[in-house]
Amino acid sequence: MSEGVKPTVHFRTMKLALVAAATGLCLLQASPARADIYSYVDAEGVTHYTNTKPQNAAFKVYVKSRGTSASAGAAAGVAGAVGPHDRDPSRYNRYDEWIRSAATLYQIPIELVRAVIKVESDYDPRAVSYAGARGLMQLMPETADRMQVKDINDPRENIFGGVRYLRVLANMFNGDLDLTVAGYNAGEGAVVQYGGIPPYAQTKDYVVKVTQFYRRYRTIPDVLDASLRPPAPPAVIAPPP
């Protein structure tokens, strides 16, 4: 993928049924990535985004840039200043009630919520990244504020804030699983800027890990088993002789 800025981005692919939830979200202000982002919805209901000032008056400012980095998304992964150190296997079921409640409220697959928590913090609410992301879903303080999280260190609030952010991203990217996950890691502004998954090695790896665990949680009924065993690497198909 070219690293040049694409003037207009259309997200039509539906890889995951993440239909917009009637929860009063109204697409909370999204995180910026170096430039203002404009959007409009056409007659077919397709949302268009661009990070260059459009001539079409139908475009309205969707995100007002504050000059932050394109990689300043909600999450920064588990490697950080305080890495996960809770090794009690019961942690994988400890937050079931809140995970189910948040997934139901915001109409996000529970398996996706589990996958994000697994990759972000390995279910340790005390994990803190070098970038300052905190908690089970590794929310950045700015993202937590936008998602109306009062106590970022409270596991329940952290889960509800993270799932609320997934809902915002799913709405923005028309239910595309890969773009939703990439936006959670790198910030939705970066996804719009590059017209897809940003060309950051960490974000690409993050999308692979989250989608692998998402499939595991969907196919392995036992949450503990799905969480403990690492996803199998993709099969390598040998070329024909």
Protein backbone atom coordinates (compact mmCIF):
# COMPACT_ATOMS: atom_id res chain seq x y z
CA MET A 1 0.00 0.00 0.00
CA SER A 2 1.26 3.41 -0.89
CA GLU A 3 2.06 5.68 2.04
CA GLY A 4 0.72 8.69 0.15
CA VAL A 5 -2.41 10.36 1.41
CA LYS A 6 -5.56 9.30 -0.41
CA PRO A 7 -7.89 12.23 -0.95
CA THR A 8 -11.10 10.29 -0.37
CA VAL A 9 -11.62 6.96 1.36
CA HIS A 10 -14.70 4.75 0.99
CA PHE A 11 -15.28 1.95 3.48
CA ARG A 12 -17.85 -0.44 2.06
CA THR A 13 -16.48 -3.88 2.99
CA MET A 14 -18.56 -5.77 5.54
CA LYS A 15 -16.30 -8.42 7.06
CA LEU A 16 -18.14 -8.50 10.36
CA ALA A 17 -21.76 -7.81 11.23
CA LEU A 18 -21.19 -4.77 13.43
CA VAL A 19 -24.42 -2.93 12.71
CA ALA A 20 -24.67 0.55 14.19
CA ALA A 21 -26.07 0.32 17.70
CA ALA A 22 -28.94 2.49 18.88
CA THR A 23 -27.15 3.45 22.08
CA GLY A 24 -26.97 7.22 21.71
CA LEU A 25 -23.30 7.14 20.71
CA CYS A 26 -23.75 9.57 17.82
CA LEU A 27 -20.19 8.64 16.82
CA LEU A 28 -18.27 10.34 19.60
CA GLN A 29 -15.37 12.51 18.52
CA ALA A 30 -12.73 10.33 16.94
CA SER A 31 -9.02 10.48 17.58
CA PRO A 32 -6.95 12.65 15.21
CA ALA A 33 -4.00 11.78 13.01
CA ARG A 34 -2.01 14.77 11.79
CA ALA A 35 -4.87 16.38 9.79
CA ASP A 36 -8.55 17.24 9.99
CA ILE A 37 -10.86 14.47 8.80
CA TYR A 38 -14.02 15.25 6.85
CA SER A 39 -16.98 12.97 6.18
CA TYR A 40 -20.38 12.78 4.56
CA VAL A 41 -22.99 10.09 3.91
CA ASP A 42 -24.16 9.70 0.33
CA ALA A 43 -27.61 8.76 -0.94
CA GLU A 44 -26.77 5.05 -0.70
CA GLY A 45 -25.83 5.35 2.95
CA VAL A 46 -22.09 4.95 2.33
CA THR A 47 -19.89 7.07 4.58
CA HIS A 48 -17.00 8.84 2.83
CA TYR A 49 -13.91 10.16 4.64
CA THR A 50 -11.05 12.35 3.53
CA ASN A 51 -8.13 14.02 5.29
CA THR A 52 -7.69 16.71 2.64
CA LYS A 53 -10.02 19.71 2.62
CA PRO A 54 -12.71 18.82 0.09
CA GLN A 55 -14.37 21.11 -2.45
CA ASN A 56 -17.69 19.29 -1.98
CA ALA A 57 -19.76 21.26 0.54
CA ALA A 58 -21.46 18.02 1.62
CA PHE A 59 -18.35 17.13 3.60
CA LYS A 60 -18.33 18.25 7.22
CA VAL A 61 -15.46 18.21 9.73
CA TYR A 62 -15.58 14.86 11.49
CA VAL A 63 -12.30 15.08 13.43
CA LYS A 64 -10.49 18.31 14.26
CA SER A 65 -6.75 17.64 14.38
CA ARG A 66 -4.78 18.60 17.44
CA GLY A 67 -1.45 17.71 15.85
CA THR A 68 -1.03 14.37 17.57
CA SER A 69 0.74 11.34 16.16
CA ALA A 70 -1.08 9.01 13.83
CA SER A 71 -0.09 6.11 16.07
CA ALA A 72 -1.77 7.59 19.13
CA GLY A 73 -4.72 5.21 19.23
CA ALA A 74 -6.51 3.73 22.19
CA ALA A 75 -4.09 0.92 22.73
CA ALA A 76 -0.39 0.30 22.73
CA GLY A 77 -0.21 -3.43 23.47
CA VAL A 78 0.90 -5.30 26.57
CA ALA A 79 4.60 -4.47 26.41
CA GLY A 80 5.05 -1.46 28.63
CA ALA A 81 6.15 0.15 31.83
CA VAL A 82 4.07 -2.27 33.90
CA GLY A 83 3.54 -5.47 31.94
CA PRO A 84 0.89 -8.05 32.80
CA HIS A 85 1.88 -10.01 35.88
CA ASP A 86 -1.39 -11.59 37.00
CA ARG A 87 -0.81 -15.29 36.33
CA ASP A 88 -3.96 -16.62 37.99
CA PRO A 89 -5.86 -18.58 35.28
CA SER A 90 -9.14 -17.53 36.86
CA ARG A 91 -8.57 -14.03 35.46
CA TYR A 92 -9.82 -15.21 32.08
CA ASN A 93 -13.32 -15.64 33.53
CA ARG A 94 -13.15 -12.99 36.25
CA TYR A 95 -14.68 -10.23 34.14
CA ASP A 96 -17.28 -12.30 32.26
CA GLU A 97 -20.31 -10.42 33.54
CA TRP A 98 -18.93 -7.00 32.56
CA ILE A 99 -17.67 -8.26 29.20
CA ARG A 100 -21.09 -9.72 28.38
CA SER A 101 -22.90 -6.60 29.55
CA ALA A 102 -20.70 -4.22 27.56
CA ALA A 103 -20.81 -6.41 24.44
CA THR A 104 -24.60 -6.57 24.64
CA LEU A 105 -25.02 -2.85 25.29
CA TYR A 106 -22.83 -1.78 22.38
CA GLN A 107 -23.65 -4.73 20.09
CA ILE A 108 -20.07 -5.87 19.68
CA PRO A 109 -19.31 -9.63 19.50
CA ILE A 110 -18.25 -10.84 22.93
CA GLU A 111 -15.48 -12.86 21.28
CA LEU A 112 -13.99 -9.69 19.80
CA VAL A 113 -14.02 -8.00 23.20
CA ARG A 114 -12.22 -10.99 24.69
CA ALA A 115 -9.67 -11.01 21.87
CA VAL A 116 -8.84 -7.33 22.35
CA ILE A 117 -8.45 -7.78 26.11
CA LYS A 118 -6.27 -10.85 25.59
CA VAL A 119 -3.89 -9.11 23.20
CA GLU A 120 -3.90 -5.78 25.05
CA SER A 121 -3.36 -6.82 28.66
CA ASP A 122 -3.67 -10.59 28.90
CA TYR A 123 -6.57 -9.88 31.28
CA ASP A 124 -4.45 -7.95 33.78
CA PRO A 125 -6.19 -4.72 34.88
CA ARG A 126 -2.90 -3.31 36.21
CA ALA A 127 -1.06 -3.38 32.89
CA VAL A 128 0.35 0.00 31.80
CA SER A 129 2.12 0.64 28.49
CA TYR A 130 5.08 2.94 27.87
CA ALA A 131 2.70 5.21 25.96
CA GLY A 132 0.43 5.48 28.99
CA ALA A 133 -2.37 3.12 27.95
CA ARG A 134 -3.92 1.51 31.01
CA GLY A 135 -6.05 -1.36 32.14
CA LEU A 136 -7.68 -4.40 30.61
CA MET A 137 -8.38 -2.71 27.28
CA GLN A 138 -5.32 -0.43 27.41
CA LEU A 139 -7.16 2.86 27.05
CA MET A 140 -5.17 6.03 26.55
CA PRO A 141 -6.30 8.75 28.98
CA GLU A 142 -7.56 10.94 26.11
CA THR A 143 -9.62 8.08 24.70
CA ALA A 144 -10.97 7.26 28.14
CA ASP A 145 -12.14 10.86 28.48
CA ARG A 146 -13.92 10.75 25.13
CA MET A 147 -15.57 7.46 26.05
CA GLN A 148 -16.81 9.01 29.29
CA VAL A 149 -14.68 6.79 31.53
CA LYS A 150 -14.34 8.38 34.96
CA ASP A 151 -11.84 5.89 36.45
CA ILE A 152 -9.56 4.35 33.84
CA ASN A 153 -8.14 1.93 36.43
CA ASP A 154 -11.53 0.49 37.32
CA PRO A 155 -11.86 -2.81 35.37
CA ARG A 156 -15.59 -2.39 34.73
CA GLU A 157 -15.25 1.18 33.47
CA ASN A 158 -12.21 0.25 31.40
CA ILE A 159 -14.13 -2.56 29.70
CA PHE A 160 -17.18 -0.42 29.00
CA GLY A 161 -14.99 2.41 27.66
CA GLY A 162 -13.02 0.08 25.41
CA VAL A 163 -16.11 -1.61 24.01
CA ARG A 164 -17.74 1.78 23.48
CA TYR A 165 -14.69 2.78 21.45
CA LEU A 166 -14.96 -0.43 19.40
CA ARG A 167 -18.56 0.55 18.68
CA VAL A 168 -17.46 3.99 17.46
CA LEU A 169 -14.84 2.42 15.20
CA ALA A 170 -17.24 -0.22 13.87
CA ASN A 171 -19.74 2.50 12.99
CA MET A 172 -17.04 4.58 11.31
CA PHE A 173 -15.68 1.72 9.20
CA ASN A 174 -19.03 0.16 8.29
CA GLY A 175 -18.40 -3.01 10.28
CA ASP A 176 -15.06 -3.90 8.70
CA LEU A 177 -13.32 -6.10 11.27
CA ASP A 178 -9.71 -5.43 10.22
CA LEU A 179 -10.19 -1.66 10.04
CA THR A 180 -12.01 -1.60 13.37
CA VAL A 181 -9.16 -3.47 15.05
CA ALA A 182 -6.50 -1.39 13.30
CA GLY A 183 -8.24 1.78 14.41
CA TYR A 184 -8.28 0.59 18.00
CA ASN A 185 -4.52 0.21 17.88
CA ALA A 186 -3.34 3.07 15.68
CA GLY A 187 -6.23 5.51 15.90
CA GLU A 188 -9.03 5.88 13.39
CA GLY A 189 -7.35 8.93 11.90
CA ALA A 190 -4.43 6.79 10.76
CA VAL A 191 -6.80 4.31 9.10
CA VAL A 192 -8.49 7.14 7.21
CA GLN A 193 -5.13 8.69 6.30
CA TYR A 194 -3.83 5.49 4.70
CA GLY A 195 -7.15 4.25 3.34
CA GLY A 196 -6.84 0.96 5.22
CA ILE A 197 -4.60 -0.71 7.77
CA PRO A 198 -1.73 1.73 8.44
CA PRO A 199 1.72 0.54 7.30
CA TYR A 200 3.00 0.20 10.85
CA ALA A 201 4.55 -3.20 11.67
CA GLN A 202 3.11 -3.11 15.18
CA THR A 203 -0.41 -2.40 13.94
CA LYS A 204 -0.26 -5.09 11.26
CA ASP A 205 0.91 -7.62 13.86
CA TYR A 206 -1.79 -6.44 16.25
CA VAL A 207 -4.56 -6.98 13.69
CA VAL A 208 -3.31 -10.51 13.01
CA LYS A 209 -3.18 -11.39 16.72
CA VAL A 210 -6.60 -9.97 17.57
CA THR A 211 -8.34 -11.63 14.62
CA GLN A 212 -6.66 -14.96 15.46
CA PHE A 213 -7.90 -14.84 19.03
CA TYR A 214 -11.31 -13.66 17.84
CA ARG A 215 -11.62 -16.83 15.77
CA ARG A 216 -10.36 -18.95 18.66
CA TYR A 217 -12.96 -17.57 21.05
CA ARG A 218 -15.63 -18.24 18.45
CA THR A 219 -14.58 -21.85 17.87
CA ILE A 220 -13.34 -22.99 21.30
CA PRO A 221 -16.16 -22.92 23.87
CA ASP A 222 -13.88 -23.00 26.91
CA VAL A 223 -12.60 -19.46 27.49
CA LEU A 224 -9.65 -20.66 29.58
CA ASP A 225 -8.53 -23.11 26.91
CA ALA A 226 -8.91 -20.52 24.15
CA SER A 227 -6.93 -17.98 26.17
CA LEU A 228 -4.04 -20.16 27.31
CA ARG A 229 -3.11 -21.92 24.10
CA PRO A 230 -1.53 -19.55 21.58
CA PRO A 231 -3.18 -19.36 18.15
CA ALA A 232 -1.72 -21.74 15.61
CA PRO A 233 0.41 -20.01 12.96
CA PRO A 234 -1.18 -19.72 9.50
CA ALA A 235 -0.74 -22.82 7.40
CA VAL A 236 1.99 -22.61 4.79
CA ILE A 237 0.90 -24.14 1.50
CA ALA A 238 3.81 -25.58 -0.43
CA PRO A 239 3.96 -24.66 -4.12
CA PRO A 240 3.14 -27.50 -6.54
CA PRO A 241 6.14 -29.47 -7.73
